[in-house]
Protein backbone atom coordinates (compact mmCIF):
# COMPACT_ATOMS: atom_id res chain seq x y z
CA UNK A 1 129.81 152.68 169.03
CA UNK A 2 129.63 150.05 171.73
CA UNK A 3 131.57 146.86 171.28
CA UNK A 4 130.21 143.40 172.13
CA UNK A 5 131.69 140.00 172.30
CA UNK A 6 129.98 137.26 170.33
CA UNK A 7 127.64 136.15 173.12
CA UNK A 8 126.61 139.69 174.06
CA UNK A 9 126.05 140.46 170.37
CA UNK A 10 123.80 137.45 169.94
CA UNK A 11 121.86 138.22 173.08
CA UNK A 12 121.49 141.81 172.05
CA UNK A 13 119.48 140.71 169.01
CA UNK A 14 117.70 137.96 170.93
CA UNK A 15 115.85 139.72 173.76
CA UNK A 16 114.18 136.47 174.80
CA UNK A 17 117.52 135.05 175.95
CA UNK A 18 118.16 135.06 179.70
CA UNK A 19 121.90 134.50 179.53
CA UNK A 20 122.87 138.16 179.39
CA UNK A 21 120.52 139.45 182.03
CA UNK A 22 120.20 142.67 180.01
CA UNK A 23 116.77 144.13 179.44
CA UNK A 24 116.56 145.87 176.12
CA UNK A 25 116.27 149.59 176.64
CA UNK A 26 113.53 151.42 174.89
CA UNK A 27 114.26 155.08 174.51
CA UNK A 28 111.16 156.98 173.65
CA UNK A 29 113.31 159.68 172.13
CA UNK A 30 114.41 157.32 169.34
CA UNK A 31 111.22 155.28 169.02
CA UNK A 32 109.17 155.81 165.87
CA UNK A 33 105.52 154.94 166.28
CA UNK A 34 104.30 155.34 162.71
CA UNK A 35 105.36 154.78 159.07
CA UNK A 36 105.96 158.40 158.24
CA UNK A 37 109.29 160.10 157.54
CA UNK A 38 110.86 161.59 160.67
CA UNK A 39 113.79 163.93 161.08
CA UNK A 40 116.75 163.82 163.40
CA UNK A 41 116.87 161.27 166.16
CA UNK A 42 114.94 158.61 164.24
CA UNK A 43 116.12 155.12 163.61
CA UNK A 44 116.49 154.30 159.86
CA UNK A 45 115.35 150.86 158.69
CA UNK A 46 114.94 149.26 155.27
CA UNK A 47 112.39 151.07 153.19
CA UNK A 48 112.19 154.16 155.50
CA UNK A 49 113.61 157.61 155.09
CA UNK A 50 115.03 158.66 158.45
CA UNK A 51 117.09 161.69 159.24
CA UNK A 52 120.44 162.14 160.90
CA UNK A 53 121.49 159.85 163.70
CA UNK A 54 119.18 157.04 162.52
CA UNK A 55 120.22 153.43 162.34
CA UNK A 56 120.15 151.87 158.84
CA UNK A 57 119.34 148.17 158.45
CA UNK A 58 118.68 147.82 154.72
CA UNK A 59 119.40 144.18 153.65
CA UNK A 60 121.86 143.77 156.52
CA UNK A 61 122.13 144.33 160.26
CA UNK A 62 124.12 147.53 160.29
CA UNK A 63 123.90 149.73 163.38
CA UNK A 64 124.54 153.39 163.86
CA UNK A 65 123.06 155.66 166.47
CA UNK A 66 123.59 159.31 167.15
CA UNK A 67 124.33 158.59 170.76
CA UNK A 68 125.53 155.03 170.16
CA UNK A 69 122.83 153.60 172.45
CA UNK A 70 119.92 152.86 170.19
CA UNK A 71 118.35 149.44 170.34
CA UNK A 72 115.76 147.66 168.22
CA UNK A 73 112.97 145.61 169.77
CA UNK A 74 110.06 145.59 167.41
CA UNK A 75 109.32 143.73 164.16
CA UNK A 76 109.52 145.27 160.75
CA UNK A 77 108.17 143.47 157.69
CA UNK A 78 109.57 143.80 154.21
CA UNK A 79 108.17 146.64 152.18
CA UNK A 80 107.05 148.83 155.15
CA UNK A 81 108.53 151.98 156.62
CA UNK A 82 108.57 151.36 160.37
CA UNK A 83 109.90 153.65 163.06
CA UNK A 84 112.31 153.21 165.90
CA UNK A 85 112.68 149.81 167.42
CA UNK A 86 111.48 147.95 164.28
CA UNK A 87 113.24 144.83 163.13
CA UNK A 88 114.12 144.59 159.41
CA UNK A 89 113.31 141.34 157.59
CA UNK A 90 114.26 142.56 154.15
CA UNK A 91 117.06 140.61 152.43
CA UNK A 92 119.09 137.62 153.42
CA UNK A 93 120.39 138.89 156.74
CA UNK A 94 117.05 139.31 158.54
CA UNK A 95 116.64 138.55 162.24
CA UNK A 96 114.06 135.90 163.15
CA UNK A 97 113.34 135.64 166.89
CA UNK A 98 114.34 132.23 168.17
CA UNK A 99 115.00 130.83 164.66
CA UNK A 100 117.82 132.49 162.75
CA UNK A 101 120.77 134.74 163.55
CA UNK A 102 122.40 136.72 160.83
CA UNK A 103 126.06 136.85 160.08
CA UNK A 104 126.98 140.33 161.19
CA UNK A 105 130.64 141.25 161.50
CA UNK A 106 131.39 137.50 161.14
CA UNK A 107 130.15 136.77 164.66
CA UNK A 108 126.55 135.49 164.21
CA UNK A 109 125.80 131.81 163.58
CA UNK A 110 122.95 130.05 161.73
CA UNK A 111 120.58 127.77 163.54
CA UNK A 112 120.30 124.54 161.49
CA UNK A 113 116.81 123.76 160.37
CA UNK A 114 115.90 120.10 159.87
CA UNK A 115 114.01 119.25 156.64
CA UNK A 116 110.38 118.37 157.20
CA UNK A 117 109.03 114.85 156.58
CA UNK A 118 107.33 116.01 153.39
CA UNK A 119 110.61 117.38 152.07
CA UNK A 120 112.42 114.14 152.83
CA UNK A 121 109.74 112.13 151.05
CA UNK A 122 109.93 114.41 148.04
CA UNK A 123 113.71 114.04 147.84
CA UNK A 124 113.41 110.26 148.03
CA UNK A 125 110.73 110.24 145.35
CA UNK A 126 112.90 112.39 143.12
CA UNK A 127 115.89 110.09 143.62
CA UNK A 128 113.92 106.91 142.87
CA UNK A 129 112.28 108.46 139.82
CA UNK A 130 115.65 109.43 138.38
CA UNK A 131 117.11 105.97 139.05
CA UNK A 132 114.17 104.20 137.37
CA UNK A 133 114.31 106.58 134.41
CA UNK A 134 118.02 105.93 133.85
CA UNK A 135 117.41 102.17 133.95
CA UNK A 136 114.62 102.47 131.36
CA UNK A 137 116.77 104.58 129.04
CA UNK A 138 119.60 102.05 129.28
CA UNK A 139 117.14 99.28 128.33
CA UNK A 140 116.08 101.50 125.44
CA UNK A 141 119.71 101.79 124.36
CA UNK A 142 120.17 98.00 124.48
CA UNK A 143 116.97 97.51 122.42
CA UNK A 144 118.22 100.09 119.88
CA UNK A 145 121.57 98.34 119.46
CA UNK A 146 119.86 94.94 119.11
CA UNK A 147 117.43 96.30 116.50
CA UNK A 148 120.17 97.91 114.42
CA UNK A 149 122.20 94.69 114.56
CA UNK A 150 119.27 92.56 113.38
CA UNK A 151 118.44 95.12 110.70
CA UNK A 152 122.03 95.01 109.45
CA UNK A 153 122.03 91.24 108.98
CA UNK A 154 118.52 91.21 107.49
CA UNK A 155 118.94 94.19 105.16
CA UNK A 156 119.98 92.01 102.22
CA UNK A 157 116.38 90.83 102.12
CA UNK A 158 115.03 94.34 102.65
CA UNK A 159 116.73 96.22 99.83
CA UNK A 160 113.40 97.71 98.81
CA UNK A 161 113.00 99.39 102.15
CA UNK A 162 116.40 99.66 103.82
CA UNK A 163 119.00 101.46 101.73
CA UNK A 164 122.30 102.59 103.26
CA UNK A 165 121.06 106.18 103.89
CA UNK A 166 117.91 104.78 105.52
CA UNK A 167 119.98 102.48 107.74
CA UNK A 168 122.30 105.30 108.83
CA UNK A 169 119.36 107.62 109.37
CA UNK A 170 117.61 105.06 111.56
CA UNK A 171 120.73 104.75 113.72
CA UNK A 172 121.05 108.52 114.14
CA UNK A 173 117.38 108.88 115.08
CA UNK A 174 117.59 106.13 117.69
CA UNK A 175 120.74 107.67 119.19
CA UNK A 176 119.13 111.11 119.42
CA UNK A 177 116.05 109.60 121.05
CA UNK A 178 118.27 107.94 123.64
CA UNK A 179 120.05 111.22 124.42
CA UNK A 180 116.73 113.02 124.73
CA UNK A 181 115.11 110.50 127.08
CA UNK A 182 118.30 110.19 129.16
CA UNK A 183 118.57 113.95 129.71
CA UNK A 184 114.90 114.14 130.66
CA UNK A 185 115.69 112.07 133.76
CA UNK A 186 117.62 115.00 135.23
CA UNK A 187 114.72 117.42 134.97
CA UNK A 188 111.72 117.97 137.22
CA UNK A 189 109.38 115.10 138.10
CA UNK A 190 106.82 115.81 135.36
CA UNK A 191 109.51 115.75 132.68
CA UNK A 192 110.96 112.56 134.17
CA UNK A 193 107.60 110.81 133.88
CA UNK A 194 107.21 111.87 130.24
CA UNK A 195 110.73 110.63 129.51
CA UNK A 196 109.98 107.24 131.06
CA UNK A 197 106.80 106.85 129.00
CA UNK A 198 108.69 107.71 125.80
CA UNK A 199 111.43 105.19 126.68
CA UNK A 200 108.89 102.43 127.24
CA UNK A 201 107.10 103.13 123.95
CA UNK A 202 110.35 103.21 121.97
CA UNK A 203 111.58 100.00 123.61
CA UNK A 204 108.32 98.15 122.87
CA UNK A 205 108.41 99.24 119.22
CA UNK A 206 112.04 98.16 118.87
CA UNK A 207 111.33 94.76 120.40
CA UNK A 208 108.38 94.21 118.03
CA UNK A 209 110.48 95.33 115.07
CA UNK A 210 113.29 92.97 116.05
CA UNK A 211 110.79 90.11 116.43
CA UNK A 212 109.45 90.56 112.91
CA UNK A 213 112.86 91.16 111.30
CA UNK A 214 114.70 88.30 112.99
CA UNK A 215 113.27 85.55 110.69
CA UNK A 216 114.79 87.36 107.69
CA UNK A 217 118.36 86.87 108.95
CA UNK A 218 120.09 84.35 106.75
CA UNK A 219 116.92 83.63 104.81
CA UNK A 220 117.42 83.00 101.12
CA UNK A 221 114.81 85.04 99.32
CA UNK A 222 115.25 84.11 95.72
CA UNK A 223 118.18 84.60 93.44
CA UNK A 224 120.13 87.47 91.99
CA UNK A 225 117.96 88.45 89.02
CA UNK A 226 116.64 91.99 89.38
CA UNK A 227 113.56 93.21 87.51
CA UNK A 228 113.51 96.62 85.89
CA UNK A 229 111.05 99.34 86.82
CA UNK A 230 110.73 100.52 83.22
CA UNK A 231 111.25 97.43 81.04
CA UNK A 232 108.78 94.56 80.44
CA UNK A 233 109.60 91.06 81.66
CA UNK A 234 108.05 87.58 81.72
CA UNK A 235 107.94 85.27 84.74
CA UNK A 236 106.96 81.61 84.70
CA UNK A 237 104.73 80.76 87.69
CA UNK A 238 104.84 77.06 88.51
CA UNK A 239 102.75 75.21 91.09
CA UNK A 240 104.69 72.16 92.23
CA UNK A 241 102.61 69.13 93.27
CA UNK A 242 104.37 68.48 96.60
CA UNK A 243 103.72 69.34 100.23
CA UNK A 244 105.93 70.60 103.06
CA UNK A 245 109.44 71.77 102.18
CA UNK A 246 110.29 72.33 98.54
CA UNK A 247 113.52 70.44 97.98
CA UNK A 248 116.23 72.28 96.06
CA UNK A 249 117.76 68.95 95.05
CA UNK A 250 114.83 67.42 93.22
CA UNK A 251 112.30 68.43 90.58
CA UNK A 252 108.58 67.72 90.37
CA UNK A 253 105.57 67.90 88.14
CA UNK A 254 103.91 71.27 87.70
CA UNK A 255 100.16 71.45 88.29
CA UNK A 256 99.99 75.18 87.56
CA UNK A 257 101.62 76.76 84.51
CA UNK A 258 101.12 80.49 84.17
CA UNK A 259 103.16 83.13 82.37
CA UNK A 260 103.05 86.56 84.00
CA UNK A 261 103.74 89.10 81.24
CA UNK A 262 104.49 92.37 83.05
CA UNK A 263 104.96 95.90 81.73
CA UNK A 264 105.85 98.32 84.58
CA UNK A 265 105.50 101.36 82.31
CA UNK A 266 101.83 100.68 81.56
CA UNK A 267 101.10 99.06 84.94
CA UNK A 268 99.75 96.00 83.12
CA UNK A 269 100.19 92.31 83.89
CA UNK A 270 98.76 89.49 81.79
CA UNK A 271 98.32 86.13 83.53
CA UNK A 272 98.41 83.64 80.67
CA UNK A 273 97.43 80.12 81.78
CA UNK A 274 98.17 76.90 79.90
CA UNK A 275 96.53 73.54 80.81
CA UNK A 276 98.79 71.20 82.78
CA UNK A 277 98.13 68.33 80.33
CA UNK A 278 98.83 70.41 77.22
CA UNK A 279 100.53 68.15 74.65
CA UNK A 280 103.80 69.85 73.66
CA UNK A 281 107.32 69.03 72.52
CA UNK A 282 109.88 68.76 75.32
CA UNK A 283 112.76 71.23 75.00
CA UNK A 284 115.90 70.54 76.99
CA UNK A 285 119.59 70.29 76.19
CA UNK A 286 119.85 66.59 76.97
CA UNK A 287 116.33 65.63 75.85
CA UNK A 288 116.18 64.14 72.35
CA UNK A 289 114.36 66.47 69.94
CA UNK A 290 110.88 65.62 68.71
CA UNK A 291 109.62 63.96 71.89
CA UNK A 292 106.10 64.97 72.97
CA UNK A 293 104.71 64.95 76.48
CA UNK A 294 102.35 66.62 78.93
CA UNK A 295 103.43 70.09 80.06
CA UNK A 296 103.19 68.96 83.69
CA UNK A 297 105.92 66.34 83.10
CA UNK A 298 108.38 69.00 81.92
CA UNK A 299 109.00 69.93 85.54
CA UNK A 300 110.63 66.55 86.17
CA UNK A 301 113.47 67.46 83.80
CA UNK A 302 114.50 70.61 85.67
CA UNK A 303 117.09 72.53 83.71
CA UNK A 304 117.20 69.85 80.99
CA UNK A 305 120.83 68.86 81.72
CA UNK A 306 121.93 65.51 83.14
CA UNK A 307 124.82 65.18 85.56
CA UNK A 308 127.40 62.35 85.60
CA UNK A 309 124.96 60.15 87.55
CA UNK A 310 122.17 60.67 85.05
CA UNK A 311 120.20 62.98 87.35
CA UNK A 312 118.44 65.98 85.87
CA UNK A 313 119.66 69.33 87.15
CA UNK A 314 117.36 71.41 89.32
CA UNK A 315 115.35 74.20 87.70
CA UNK A 316 112.41 75.15 85.49
CA UNK A 317 114.24 75.62 82.19
CA UNK A 318 112.47 72.88 80.24
CA UNK A 319 109.02 74.19 81.15
CA UNK A 320 110.08 77.78 80.39
CA UNK A 321 111.51 76.72 77.01
CA UNK A 322 108.31 74.92 76.03
CA UNK A 323 106.05 77.85 76.92
CA UNK A 324 108.43 80.32 75.30
CA UNK A 325 108.25 78.29 72.07
CA UNK A 326 104.44 78.12 72.28
CA UNK A 327 103.86 81.88 72.64
CA UNK A 328 107.03 83.19 70.97
CA UNK A 329 108.27 84.77 74.22
CA UNK A 330 111.64 85.08 75.91
CA UNK A 331 110.93 83.59 79.35
CA UNK A 332 113.92 84.26 81.59
CA UNK A 333 112.51 84.19 85.13
CA UNK A 334 110.60 81.69 87.21
CA UNK A 335 108.87 81.42 90.56
CA UNK A 336 107.96 77.98 91.78
CA UNK A 337 105.81 77.24 94.82
CA UNK A 338 104.36 73.96 96.12
CA UNK A 339 101.01 73.16 97.69
CA UNK A 340 102.13 73.97 101.23
CA UNK A 341 103.68 77.27 100.22
CA UNK A 342 100.59 78.26 98.25
CA UNK A 343 98.26 77.55 101.17
CA UNK A 344 100.54 79.35 103.65
CA UNK A 345 100.83 82.35 101.33
CA UNK A 346 97.06 82.77 101.11
CA UNK A 347 96.74 82.51 104.89
CA UNK A 348 99.57 85.01 105.44
CA UNK A 349 97.74 87.45 103.17
CA UNK A 350 94.62 87.07 105.27
CA UNK A 351 92.75 85.06 102.63
CA UNK A 352 91.69 86.00 99.09
CA UNK A 353 88.33 86.76 97.54
CA UNK A 354 87.48 85.10 94.20
CA UNK A 355 84.43 84.86 92.01
CA UNK A 356 83.41 81.17 91.93
CA UNK A 357 81.93 80.51 88.44
CA UNK A 358 79.64 77.69 89.60
CA UNK A 359 78.99 75.99 92.89
CA UNK A 360 80.42 72.55 93.61
CA UNK A 361 81.39 70.19 96.40
CA UNK A 362 84.52 68.06 96.42
CA UNK A 363 86.41 65.86 98.85
CA UNK A 364 90.18 65.81 99.01
CA UNK A 365 92.55 64.34 101.58
CA UNK A 366 89.57 63.24 103.67
CA UNK A 367 87.98 66.70 103.96
CA UNK A 368 84.89 67.96 102.15
CA UNK A 369 84.87 71.47 100.68
CA UNK A 370 81.76 73.31 99.47
CA UNK A 371 81.93 76.32 97.15
CA UNK A 372 78.97 78.57 96.39
CA UNK A 373 78.58 80.44 93.14
CA UNK A 374 79.62 84.08 93.36
CA UNK A 375 82.24 85.97 95.34
CA UNK A 376 83.68 84.00 98.22
CA UNK A 377 86.60 84.59 100.57
CA UNK A 378 88.92 81.60 100.69
CA UNK A 379 91.53 80.63 103.24
CA UNK A 380 94.63 78.67 102.32
CA UNK A 381 93.14 75.18 102.24
CA UNK A 382 90.02 76.29 100.35
CA UNK A 383 92.09 78.24 97.81
CA UNK A 384 94.35 75.23 97.21
CA UNK A 385 91.35 72.93 96.69
CA UNK A 386 89.75 75.46 94.33
CA UNK A 387 92.80 75.76 92.03
CA UNK A 388 93.30 71.98 91.91
CA UNK A 389 89.72 70.96 91.12
CA UNK A 390 88.83 69.95 87.56
CA UNK A 391 86.45 66.97 87.75
CA UNK A 392 83.53 69.16 88.91
CA UNK A 393 83.59 71.19 85.69
CA UNK A 394 82.41 70.30 82.20
CA UNK A 395 85.47 71.99 80.72
CA UNK A 396 87.73 70.15 83.13
CA UNK A 397 91.34 71.27 82.90
CA UNK A 398 90.48 74.43 80.95
CA UNK A 399 88.19 75.65 83.74
CA UNK A 400 90.85 74.77 86.28
CA UNK A 401 93.29 76.99 84.40
CA UNK A 402 90.79 79.86 84.47
CA UNK A 403 90.28 79.35 88.21
CA UNK A 404 94.01 79.37 88.79
CA UNK A 405 94.50 82.70 87.04
CA UNK A 406 91.58 84.17 89.02
CA UNK A 407 93.19 83.11 92.32
CA UNK A 408 96.63 84.32 91.21
CA UNK A 409 95.09 87.71 90.38
CA UNK A 410 93.47 87.85 93.81
CA UNK A 411 96.81 86.97 95.44
CA UNK A 412 98.63 89.69 93.50
CA UNK A 413 95.99 92.28 94.41
CA UNK A 414 96.29 91.34 98.07
CA UNK A 415 100.09 91.06 98.02
CA UNK A 416 100.61 94.61 96.70
CA UNK A 417 98.20 96.14 99.20
CA UNK A 418 99.55 98.46 101.89
CA UNK A 419 98.76 95.93 104.62
CA UNK A 420 100.81 93.17 102.94
CA UNK A 421 103.77 95.48 102.31
CA UNK A 422 103.80 96.38 106.00
CA UNK A 423 103.73 92.63 106.81
CA UNK A 424 106.30 91.87 104.11
CA UNK A 425 108.47 89.74 106.41
CA UNK A 426 105.49 87.70 107.62
CA UNK A 427 104.39 86.95 104.06
CA UNK A 428 107.87 85.97 102.94
CA UNK A 429 108.50 83.89 106.04
CA UNK A 430 105.29 81.92 105.42
CA UNK A 431 106.61 80.58 102.12
CA UNK A 432 110.36 80.67 102.72
CA UNK A 433 110.72 76.88 102.72
CA UNK A 434 108.11 76.18 100.09
CA UNK A 435 109.03 78.38 97.16
CA UNK A 436 111.97 79.03 94.87
CA UNK A 437 112.76 81.75 92.35
CA UNK A 438 115.68 83.17 90.44
CA UNK A 439 114.37 86.68 91.11
CA UNK A 440 115.54 88.89 93.91
CA UNK A 441 112.31 89.14 95.92
CA UNK A 442 113.35 92.45 97.38
CA UNK A 443 113.61 93.91 93.86
CA UNK A 444 109.96 92.98 93.27
CA UNK A 445 108.97 94.80 96.45
CA UNK A 446 111.13 97.76 95.40
CA UNK A 447 109.36 97.86 92.02
CA UNK A 448 106.00 98.03 93.76
CA UNK A 449 107.14 100.83 96.06
CA UNK A 450 108.54 102.82 93.15
CA UNK A 451 105.26 102.55 91.27
CA UNK A 452 103.20 103.54 94.29
CA UNK A 453 105.15 106.80 94.51
CA UNK A 454 104.01 107.77 91.00
CA UNK A 455 101.07 110.16 90.89
CA UNK A 456 99.33 108.38 88.00
CA UNK A 457 99.62 104.89 89.50
CA UNK A 458 96.14 103.67 90.42
CA UNK A 459 97.02 100.02 90.84
CA UNK A 460 97.88 97.19 88.48
CA UNK A 461 95.74 96.40 85.47
CA UNK A 462 95.70 92.59 85.76
CA UNK A 463 94.15 90.65 82.89
CA UNK A 464 93.50 86.90 82.94
CA UNK A 465 93.47 84.62 79.93
CA UNK A 466 93.34 80.82 79.95
CA UNK A 467 94.22 79.03 76.71
CA UNK A 468 91.60 76.51 75.64
CA UNK A 469 91.97 72.99 74.34
CA UNK A 470 90.29 69.61 74.12
CA UNK A 471 90.80 66.04 75.26
CA UNK A 472 88.96 64.82 72.17
CA UNK A 473 92.24 63.75 70.64
CA UNK A 474 92.22 60.72 72.90
CA UNK A 475 95.34 59.13 74.33
CA UNK A 476 98.75 60.04 72.97
CA UNK A 477 102.25 58.76 73.59
CA UNK A 478 104.08 60.55 76.42
CA UNK A 479 107.89 60.46 76.51
CA UNK A 480 108.12 60.43 80.31
CA UNK A 481 105.63 57.61 80.79
CA UNK A 482 106.78 55.60 77.80
CA UNK A 483 103.15 54.93 76.91
CA UNK A 484 99.92 56.61 75.85
CA UNK A 485 98.04 58.85 78.27
CA UNK A 486 95.15 61.33 78.26
CA UNK A 487 96.35 64.73 77.08
CA UNK A 488 94.95 68.14 76.13
CA UNK A 489 95.34 69.21 72.53
CA UNK A 490 95.46 73.01 72.54
CA UNK A 491 93.18 75.06 70.31
CA UNK A 492 95.34 76.90 67.80
CA UNK A 493 93.10 79.98 67.70
CA UNK A 494 93.14 80.22 71.48
CA UNK A 495 96.91 79.92 71.52
CA UNK A 496 97.13 82.70 68.92
CA UNK A 497 94.94 85.01 71.01
CA UNK A 498 97.13 84.36 74.05
CA UNK A 499 100.22 85.12 72.00
CA UNK A 500 98.77 88.39 70.65
CA UNK A 501 97.72 89.56 74.09
CA UNK A 502 101.18 88.86 75.50
CA UNK A 503 102.87 90.88 72.77
CA UNK A 504 100.41 93.73 73.13
CA UNK A 505 101.46 94.03 76.77
CA UNK A 506 105.15 93.93 75.87
CA UNK A 507 104.58 96.62 73.24
CA UNK A 508 102.90 98.92 75.74
CA UNK A 509 99.38 98.64 74.31
CA UNK A 510 96.23 98.74 76.36
CA UNK A 511 94.40 95.48 77.02
CA UNK A 512 91.59 94.51 79.39
CA UNK A 513 89.29 91.57 80.05
CA UNK A 514 87.40 92.30 76.80
CA UNK A 515 90.48 92.18 74.63
CA UNK A 516 90.38 88.38 74.13
CA UNK A 517 86.80 88.56 72.80
CA UNK A 518 87.72 91.47 70.56
CA UNK A 519 90.70 89.58 69.16
CA UNK A 520 88.55 86.51 68.66
CA UNK A 521 85.95 88.52 66.70
CA UNK A 522 88.56 90.62 64.92
CA UNK A 523 87.20 93.85 66.39
CA UNK A 524 90.23 94.84 68.44
CA UNK A 525 91.77 98.11 67.29
CA UNK A 526 95.31 98.92 68.34
CA UNK A 527 95.89 102.40 69.68
CA UNK A 528 98.53 104.21 71.61
CA UNK A 529 96.57 104.22 74.85
CA UNK A 530 98.23 102.59 77.77
CA UNK A 531 96.89 101.02 80.91
CA UNK A 532 97.84 104.01 83.06
């Protein structure tokens, strides 16, 4: 076999080169003109079956001639059986005229090919896409950490929704989402784009969640009392006659006095309303026994205990004691809200719909309000005016009490709806500075969620009852005022009906809006049916 130096070897396989001055020899004896299988003397290429003395070039540029003088001039494509003089392009070591030289015997060199403009643009696009994707995933990580931090400090007010397993689970999910979107930035362009979209969506959701949760950080939502999900309880609902912030250092008169008698097992709640001017005996530790006054004045005495400076302690104990004595109930919990908080609450709930018993027009604080008979949706200011009005009705304070229970029922219905639970933080934030309670607000939300998971829960059975009375007794002496004033003398039969209805709820009996009439006529029959 002939030996060549590197230049001669290169020129041998590059017949277009003029440096060697050698014309490739074409020996007709060894030239194959067709794609058939020849015998001796043929040149063997990739994909052909040649006989002895042929040159084999399968996948590489090997040479072997019978006489040692064979040369290859022609072109052979992959997958064909060409004859003598054909060039093999099968495999990695193919010969391309003027473009590429194969590494044969370690002497050939590769001609460098420059990337095209399109390839350069694609590489740059790929690089920029990956860089942007990584930035977006890092922003996602920062948003995740911020959200989990805010959730941690706000979770005391979200016990109903965020338990420890839920908190840990949320952190794990956010971490896995970060890993997923980050790894997607090292894939092909389509996957990168999907990853960036996912990162943006997650980041936006986390920012919105942080925005809504942030107001709950450090917010005092009630006290430490927790309601049971299977035991009845009674809550005193007091409407304080002040605006703006409800001071925790001072007491005030109560315009609204409602007992919410709740039985979670029967899904029943009785809203028992008592007129604000009901003439009752004050009941407080430091209040002399036997002194009578309006129920509304009881709020001024707070917890009924004086401090060293003669100031009454903050609370609702005196009012709760008086109503507990009236209906023979153990009233342990309270929720007090003022005018501003009430109006804000209704607005936060998106308004409430009530059935106005009769149309009327009234002016308060320089604004005129008109109410039409029938169902009407009220915003915060209209709802507040409606529950405060009494002069437009023949029954005065008694009708006001009935209106108050109707609005409270509408508020409860709206507050336990799915929409309000989703906007729990917004609702609570709207009244945070204008209400006070000994109850853990989160436990109330937790109770509602627990009931909604029960298959037989179809919503609360809320029954209203307003105790009746009369101002016909004239003016009576009031302890707080130190003089006579107009009061409401309660009707004993009405008080008895209210008492019976409250105890029916506590005992797990079924009641509805007809129960009061049935009790009044003596036609009510106790049974074991519940409100489920």
